């Protein structure tokens, strides 16, 4: 019997999304990252949920900054990346790629996705067709490469590309409109991209989220995930080199 979970998504801070993941059978609730402790605690209270765990994707303050307050008020258990264990406030359990994190009657597999930060991880819930990817990948974009290398980031995106195509990517920010403008600037003939951009514009005009992002659609439209395609490599001036092509795309986006 498949386990049904509830995923509550809500905006917080300037452009972050908060996520509370609830497993009704056990009554347990997971906070995915903690951009804003007050927002998370308030949303949980409105829903009648008690936060039992925090799962951190990486150490940045808009992802782990609310850990200690939420832990103080709820007594929750904090799980986060082993590669950043010394930077995750209140960490109780450090995990790395390949580890399994269980809650209630469902579980998540940890995926190493360094690049944005050196220890960044994602949580894939295969039974739910869901992945919480932090700042590793966004709808039509990806995170800036702050701590790692372009090669490292491309390897991380390649791991995410291998997830089932029906996976919903729960990204941490609403960046899609600006990402769409850049994507069109380097891939203007992509019909699927143009259709996606029109959808994004309509959603944002209605003040609706564009996240989660469906992996299948991202594979067809997100330029950062398409650096292994010969046509993209040729357009970026790096035929036969996916990592260099990714680096060129990332550099252009940084200057866009």
Protein backbone atom coordinates (compact mmCIF):
# COMPACT_ATOMS: atom_id res chain seq x y z
CA UNK A 1 0.00 0.00 0.00
CA UNK A 2 1.43 3.38 -0.99
CA UNK A 3 1.89 5.96 1.72
CA UNK A 4 0.14 9.27 1.25
CA UNK A 5 1.94 12.36 2.51
CA UNK A 6 0.91 15.98 2.50
CA UNK A 7 3.27 18.69 1.26
CA UNK A 8 2.40 22.21 2.36
CA UNK A 9 4.20 24.92 0.40
CA UNK A 10 4.19 28.57 1.43
CA UNK A 11 6.16 31.74 0.58
CA UNK A 12 8.52 33.25 3.12
CA UNK A 13 11.26 35.86 3.26
CA UNK A 14 11.62 37.71 -0.05
CA UNK A 15 11.43 34.84 -2.54
CA UNK A 16 11.91 31.60 -0.59
CA UNK A 17 9.46 28.75 -0.39
CA UNK A 18 8.93 26.92 2.85
CA UNK A 19 7.87 23.27 2.92
CA UNK A 20 6.21 21.21 5.62
CA UNK A 21 5.92 17.51 4.83
CA UNK A 22 3.33 15.63 6.89
CA UNK A 23 2.86 11.88 7.18
CA UNK A 24 -0.70 11.40 8.48
CA UNK A 25 -0.29 7.81 9.68
CA UNK A 26 2.46 8.70 12.13
CA UNK A 27 1.52 12.35 12.61
CA UNK A 28 5.12 13.38 11.99
CA UNK A 29 5.96 16.61 10.19
CA UNK A 30 9.24 17.52 8.52
CA UNK A 31 10.38 21.10 7.94
CA UNK A 32 12.45 21.24 4.78
CA UNK A 33 15.03 23.93 5.55
CA UNK A 34 14.15 26.83 7.84
CA UNK A 35 14.34 30.23 6.10
CA UNK A 36 11.99 31.86 8.61
CA UNK A 37 11.28 30.18 11.94
CA UNK A 38 8.20 32.28 12.71
CA UNK A 39 6.62 31.47 9.34
CA UNK A 40 7.23 27.74 9.77
CA UNK A 41 5.89 27.64 13.30
CA UNK A 42 2.87 29.70 12.30
CA UNK A 43 2.03 27.52 9.30
CA UNK A 44 2.41 24.35 11.37
CA UNK A 45 0.11 25.75 14.05
CA UNK A 46 -2.55 26.68 11.49
CA UNK A 47 -2.47 23.15 10.11
CA UNK A 48 -2.44 21.50 13.51
CA UNK A 49 0.90 19.85 12.76
CA UNK A 50 3.85 19.47 15.14
CA UNK A 51 7.30 19.81 13.57
CA UNK A 52 9.18 16.66 14.54
CA UNK A 53 12.21 17.01 12.27
CA UNK A 54 14.12 19.52 10.19
CA UNK A 55 15.89 18.39 7.03
CA UNK A 56 18.51 20.88 5.88
CA UNK A 57 19.83 20.88 2.33
CA UNK A 58 22.75 23.24 3.04
CA UNK A 59 24.09 25.73 5.55
CA UNK A 60 23.09 29.12 4.08
CA UNK A 61 21.12 31.25 6.59
CA UNK A 62 18.03 31.33 4.37
CA UNK A 63 17.97 27.53 4.68
CA UNK A 64 19.18 26.81 8.21
CA UNK A 65 18.73 30.13 9.98
CA UNK A 66 15.55 29.11 11.78
CA UNK A 67 16.85 25.78 13.10
CA UNK A 68 17.55 26.72 16.69
CA UNK A 69 14.32 28.58 17.37
CA UNK A 70 12.21 25.81 15.88
CA UNK A 71 14.17 23.18 17.81
CA UNK A 72 13.77 25.17 21.04
CA UNK A 73 10.00 25.43 20.61
CA UNK A 74 9.31 21.92 19.30
CA UNK A 75 12.16 19.69 20.47
CA UNK A 76 12.59 18.53 16.87
CA UNK A 77 15.46 16.42 15.52
CA UNK A 78 17.70 18.08 12.91
CA UNK A 79 19.18 16.21 9.95
CA UNK A 80 21.63 17.86 7.59
CA UNK A 81 24.60 17.40 5.27
CA UNK A 82 27.68 15.66 6.67
CA UNK A 83 29.87 17.88 4.53
CA UNK A 84 28.62 20.95 6.38
CA UNK A 85 28.05 19.45 9.83
CA UNK A 86 29.99 22.22 11.54
CA UNK A 87 27.80 24.88 9.90
CA UNK A 88 24.31 23.45 10.53
CA UNK A 89 22.86 24.90 13.76
CA UNK A 90 21.58 22.25 16.18
CA UNK A 91 22.49 19.30 13.94
CA UNK A 92 21.63 15.90 15.42
CA UNK A 93 22.34 13.60 12.49
CA UNK A 94 24.71 14.14 9.59
CA UNK A 95 23.86 12.38 6.32
CA UNK A 96 25.50 11.96 2.93
CA UNK A 97 24.67 10.63 -0.50
CA UNK A 98 23.17 7.14 -0.41
CA UNK A 99 21.87 7.42 3.15
CA UNK A 100 18.20 6.73 3.80
CA UNK A 101 16.15 9.02 6.03
CA UNK A 102 12.91 7.52 7.29
CA UNK A 103 9.87 9.22 8.74
CA UNK A 104 6.66 7.45 9.54
CA UNK A 105 5.98 4.89 6.85
CA UNK A 106 7.90 6.58 4.07
CA UNK A 107 11.53 7.42 3.43
CA UNK A 108 13.89 9.63 1.46
CA UNK A 109 17.21 8.90 -0.19
CA UNK A 110 19.95 11.48 0.25
CA UNK A 111 21.71 12.69 -2.91
CA UNK A 112 25.00 14.58 -2.83
CA UNK A 113 24.67 17.71 -5.01
CA UNK A 114 27.69 19.93 -4.18
CA UNK A 115 28.53 23.05 -6.13
CA UNK A 116 26.35 25.81 -4.74
CA UNK A 117 27.93 24.84 -1.42
CA UNK A 118 30.42 22.03 -0.91
CA UNK A 119 28.14 19.84 1.19
CA UNK A 120 24.76 20.53 -0.45
CA UNK A 121 22.37 17.56 -0.44
CA UNK A 122 18.92 16.81 -1.83
CA UNK A 123 16.22 14.52 -0.46
CA UNK A 124 14.47 12.22 -2.95
CA UNK A 125 11.20 10.57 -1.92
CA UNK A 126 10.82 7.94 -4.64
CA UNK A 127 7.42 6.70 -3.48
CA UNK A 128 6.10 10.26 -3.67
CA UNK A 129 7.73 11.29 -6.99
CA UNK A 130 9.20 14.24 -5.12
CA UNK A 131 12.65 15.68 -4.50
CA UNK A 132 13.56 18.59 -2.23
CA UNK A 133 16.53 20.11 -4.00
CA UNK A 134 17.29 23.32 -2.09
CA UNK A 135 19.36 25.63 -4.29
CA UNK A 136 20.90 22.92 -6.48
CA UNK A 137 18.39 23.38 -9.27
CA UNK A 138 15.53 25.78 -9.89
CA UNK A 139 12.71 25.93 -12.41
CA UNK A 140 14.60 26.91 -15.59
CA UNK A 141 17.74 27.54 -13.57
CA UNK A 142 20.27 26.32 -11.05
CA UNK A 143 22.10 27.72 -8.05
CA UNK A 144 25.14 29.92 -8.34
CA UNK A 145 28.40 28.05 -7.95
CA UNK A 146 29.68 29.70 -4.78
CA UNK A 147 31.90 27.07 -3.19
CA UNK A 148 32.43 24.28 -5.69
CA UNK A 149 33.59 24.11 -9.30
CA UNK A 150 31.63 24.11 -12.54
CA UNK A 151 32.58 20.46 -13.05
CA UNK A 152 31.31 19.58 -9.59
CA UNK A 153 28.02 21.40 -10.16
CA UNK A 154 27.50 19.72 -13.52
CA UNK A 155 28.06 16.30 -11.92
CA UNK A 156 25.46 17.19 -9.30
CA UNK A 157 22.92 18.22 -11.91
CA UNK A 158 23.64 15.01 -13.79
CA UNK A 159 22.64 13.05 -10.69
CA UNK A 160 19.35 14.93 -10.52
CA UNK A 161 18.79 14.43 -14.26
CA UNK A 162 18.76 10.67 -13.64
CA UNK A 163 15.75 10.80 -11.33
CA UNK A 164 12.47 9.53 -12.79
CA UNK A 165 11.09 12.08 -15.25
CA UNK A 166 7.81 12.36 -13.34
CA UNK A 167 9.65 13.67 -10.26
CA UNK A 168 8.48 17.02 -8.91
CA UNK A 169 11.42 19.21 -7.96
CA UNK A 170 10.63 21.29 -4.88
CA UNK A 171 13.03 24.19 -5.34
CA UNK A 172 13.73 26.72 -2.61
CA UNK A 173 13.11 29.98 -4.49
CA UNK A 174 10.70 31.64 -6.91
CA UNK A 175 13.24 32.65 -9.55
CA UNK A 176 11.46 31.27 -12.59
CA UNK A 177 10.48 34.50 -14.34
CA UNK A 178 14.04 35.84 -14.41
CA UNK A 179 15.40 32.41 -15.28
CA UNK A 180 12.96 32.24 -18.19
CA UNK A 181 14.25 35.48 -19.69
CA UNK A 182 17.80 34.17 -19.63
CA UNK A 183 16.84 30.76 -21.01
CA UNK A 184 15.12 32.39 -23.98
CA UNK A 185 18.19 34.53 -24.63
CA UNK A 186 20.35 31.47 -25.35
CA UNK A 187 17.75 28.97 -26.60
CA UNK A 188 15.18 31.09 -28.47
CA UNK A 189 14.11 28.40 -30.95
CA UNK A 190 13.07 25.91 -28.26
CA UNK A 191 9.31 25.51 -28.73
CA UNK A 192 8.83 23.72 -25.41
CA UNK A 193 10.70 26.54 -23.67
CA UNK A 194 8.54 29.23 -25.28
CA UNK A 195 5.40 27.40 -24.15
CA UNK A 196 6.81 27.04 -20.65
CA UNK A 197 7.67 30.74 -20.49
CA UNK A 198 4.13 31.67 -21.48
CA UNK A 199 2.83 29.45 -18.68
CA UNK A 200 5.26 31.05 -16.21
CA UNK A 201 4.16 34.55 -17.20
CA UNK A 202 0.52 33.64 -16.70
CA UNK A 203 1.17 32.03 -13.32
CA UNK A 204 3.14 34.98 -12.02
CA UNK A 205 0.59 37.48 -13.32
CA UNK A 206 -1.94 35.61 -11.17
CA UNK A 207 0.52 35.62 -8.23
CA UNK A 208 0.70 31.82 -8.31
CA UNK A 209 3.85 29.74 -7.75
CA UNK A 210 5.77 28.11 -10.60
CA UNK A 211 7.26 25.57 -8.19
CA UNK A 212 7.40 22.59 -7.94
CA UNK A 213 8.97 21.99 -11.32
CA UNK A 214 8.41 18.75 -13.21
CA UNK A 215 11.75 17.16 -14.10
CA UNK A 216 10.51 16.01 -17.50
CA UNK A 217 9.72 19.59 -18.48
CA UNK A 218 13.00 20.87 -17.07
CA UNK A 219 14.95 18.35 -19.14
CA UNK A 220 13.35 19.79 -22.27
CA UNK A 221 13.72 23.46 -21.37
CA UNK A 222 16.21 24.22 -18.58
CA UNK A 223 19.48 25.23 -20.29
CA UNK A 224 21.56 24.21 -17.29
CA UNK A 225 20.31 20.62 -17.60
CA UNK A 226 20.91 20.57 -21.37
CA UNK A 227 24.67 21.16 -21.40
CA UNK A 228 25.20 17.58 -22.58
CA UNK A 229 23.30 18.20 -25.84
CA UNK A 230 25.48 18.70 -28.96
CA UNK A 231 23.42 21.66 -30.15
CA UNK A 232 23.82 23.46 -26.83
CA UNK A 233 27.52 22.68 -26.72
CA UNK A 234 27.98 24.06 -30.21
CA UNK A 235 26.00 27.21 -29.40
CA UNK A 236 28.10 27.83 -26.29
CA UNK A 237 31.38 27.21 -28.12
CA UNK A 238 32.39 24.00 -26.33
CA UNK A 239 31.56 21.07 -28.63
CA UNK A 240 31.97 17.72 -26.93
CA UNK A 241 32.42 19.17 -23.43
CA UNK A 242 29.35 19.18 -21.21
CA UNK A 243 31.06 20.59 -18.11
CA UNK A 244 32.60 23.49 -20.05
CA UNK A 245 29.25 24.13 -21.72
CA UNK A 246 27.56 24.23 -18.33
CA UNK A 247 30.25 26.61 -17.08
CA UNK A 248 29.67 28.90 -20.05
CA UNK A 249 25.92 28.94 -19.43
CA UNK A 250 26.39 29.59 -15.71
CA UNK A 251 28.86 32.39 -16.43
CA UNK A 252 26.49 34.03 -18.88
CA UNK A 253 23.64 33.83 -16.37
CA UNK A 254 25.84 35.41 -13.69
CA UNK A 255 26.42 38.36 -16.02
CA UNK A 256 22.87 38.51 -17.43
